[in-house]
Amino acid sequence: MNALFIVLNETEYLDDILDSFVDIGVSGATILDSQGMGSAITNSGRGSDPFFGAIRSFLENSRPYNKTIFTVIEDEEILFETIKTVKSILGDISKPGVGMMFTVPVGNIYGI
């Protein structure tokens, strides 16, 4: 059992990703509004420090907010199919500004 996390900078793909979850059989996910550390620092007015000024110039054209999607998937086959499908929707996820995706093993679930 694994938790799949997707930090989605290109939020226009959110509906496509959620539709694919339904098609694959992922029964639920949580979507959070989120913001990266670099964006938070540069938007806080701490630009007088040269380091933060460099971050600001790097992030100038990037999106200030993103979406974080997470879901717990018990079946490894469904997990790999979900990852493959998200990669096909987003294209080259290794390009800067697209987002990132990772899994974390889950030992137990309590609650819902």
Protein backbone atom coordinates (compact mmCIF):
# COMPACT_ATOMS: atom_id res chain seq x y z
CA MET A 1 0.00 0.00 0.00
CA ASN A 2 1.38 3.38 -1.04
CA ALA A 3 0.44 7.04 -0.85
CA LEU A 4 0.86 8.78 -4.20
CA PHE A 5 1.60 12.51 -4.02
CA ILE A 6 1.42 14.83 -7.02
CA VAL A 7 2.47 18.46 -6.70
CA LEU A 8 0.86 19.95 -9.78
CA ASN A 9 2.14 23.31 -10.96
CA GLU A 10 0.27 23.10 -14.27
CA THR A 11 -3.15 23.10 -12.62
CA GLU A 12 -4.99 23.08 -15.95
CA TYR A 13 -4.37 19.31 -15.94
CA LEU A 14 -6.19 18.72 -12.63
CA ASP A 15 -9.51 17.61 -14.17
CA ASP A 16 -7.76 15.27 -16.62
CA ILE A 17 -5.83 13.66 -13.78
CA LEU A 18 -8.93 13.23 -11.61
CA ASP A 19 -10.89 11.78 -14.56
CA SER A 20 -8.07 9.29 -15.14
CA PHE A 21 -8.18 8.30 -11.45
CA VAL A 22 -11.86 7.39 -11.85
CA ASP A 23 -11.18 5.45 -15.07
CA ILE A 24 -8.33 3.49 -13.45
CA GLY A 25 -10.27 2.70 -10.29
CA VAL A 26 -8.69 5.05 -7.76
CA SER A 27 -11.58 5.50 -5.36
CA GLY A 28 -10.62 8.78 -3.72
CA ALA A 29 -8.06 11.54 -3.47
CA THR A 30 -7.52 14.75 -1.54
CA ILE A 31 -6.63 17.98 -3.33
CA LEU A 32 -4.93 20.80 -1.44
CA ASP A 33 -4.10 24.34 -2.52
CA SER A 34 -0.36 24.67 -2.01
CA GLN A 35 2.61 26.95 -2.57
CA GLY A 36 6.27 26.09 -2.96
CA MET A 37 8.87 27.41 -0.56
CA GLY A 38 10.65 29.48 -3.20
CA SER A 39 7.42 31.18 -4.21
CA ALA A 40 6.49 31.87 -0.58
CA ILE A 41 9.89 33.39 0.17
CA THR A 42 10.00 35.59 -2.91
CA ASN A 43 6.44 36.80 -2.35
CA SER A 44 7.13 37.66 1.30
CA GLY A 45 9.21 40.74 0.47
CA ARG A 46 12.52 39.22 1.53
CA GLY A 47 14.11 40.19 -1.78
CA SER A 48 16.87 42.39 -0.33
CA ASP A 49 19.05 39.34 0.37
CA PRO A 50 21.03 38.41 -2.79
CA PHE A 51 20.06 34.74 -2.43
CA PHE A 52 16.35 35.53 -2.37
CA GLY A 53 16.80 37.99 -5.22
CA ALA A 54 18.25 35.16 -7.31
CA ILE A 55 15.30 32.94 -6.44
CA ARG A 56 12.90 35.76 -7.33
CA SER A 57 14.42 36.23 -10.78
CA PHE A 58 14.34 32.46 -11.37
CA LEU A 59 10.68 32.18 -10.33
CA GLU A 60 9.46 35.41 -11.91
CA ASN A 61 7.47 33.71 -14.67
CA SER A 62 6.37 30.65 -12.70
CA ARG A 63 2.99 30.10 -11.13
CA PRO A 64 2.81 31.23 -7.49
CA TYR A 65 0.40 28.49 -6.40
CA ASN A 66 -0.14 24.83 -7.21
CA LYS A 67 -2.30 21.88 -6.25
CA THR A 68 -1.15 18.91 -4.21
CA ILE A 69 -3.09 15.72 -4.86
CA PHE A 70 -2.66 12.67 -2.67
CA THR A 71 -4.29 9.29 -2.57
CA VAL A 72 -3.62 5.92 -0.96
CA ILE A 73 -3.57 3.01 -3.39
CA GLU A 74 -3.52 -0.56 -2.09
CA ASP A 75 -3.08 -2.42 -5.38
CA GLU A 76 0.42 -2.10 -6.88
CA GLU A 77 -0.87 -2.62 -10.43
CA ILE A 78 -3.32 0.27 -10.04
CA LEU A 79 -0.53 2.39 -8.53
CA PHE A 80 1.77 1.82 -11.51
CA GLU A 81 -1.08 2.41 -13.98
CA THR A 82 -1.93 5.67 -12.20
CA ILE A 83 1.69 6.86 -12.33
CA LYS A 84 1.96 5.93 -16.01
CA THR A 85 -1.26 7.78 -16.84
CA VAL A 86 -0.30 10.93 -14.92
CA LYS A 87 3.05 10.96 -16.74
CA SER A 88 1.25 10.66 -20.09
CA ILE A 89 -1.08 13.56 -19.19
CA LEU A 90 1.71 15.86 -18.02
CA GLY A 91 4.32 14.93 -20.60
CA ASP A 92 7.92 15.41 -19.48
CA ILE A 93 7.45 15.81 -15.73
CA SER A 94 11.20 16.36 -15.30
CA LYS A 95 10.95 19.77 -17.02
CA PRO A 96 11.10 22.71 -14.59
CA GLY A 97 7.72 24.09 -13.58
CA VAL A 98 5.60 21.01 -14.34
CA GLY A 99 5.51 19.58 -10.84
CA MET A 100 6.62 16.39 -9.15
CA MET A 101 5.23 13.03 -8.16
CA PHE A 102 6.39 10.57 -5.51
CA THR A 103 5.16 7.60 -3.49
CA VAL A 104 5.48 6.80 0.20
CA PRO A 105 4.83 3.35 1.70
CA VAL A 106 1.83 3.27 4.05
CA GLY A 107 1.82 0.84 6.95
CA ASN A 108 -1.67 1.35 8.34
CA ILE A 109 -4.73 3.49 7.76
CA TYR A 110 -7.06 4.59 10.54
CA GLY A 111 -10.39 6.29 10.05
CA ILE A 112 -12.48 6.66 6.92
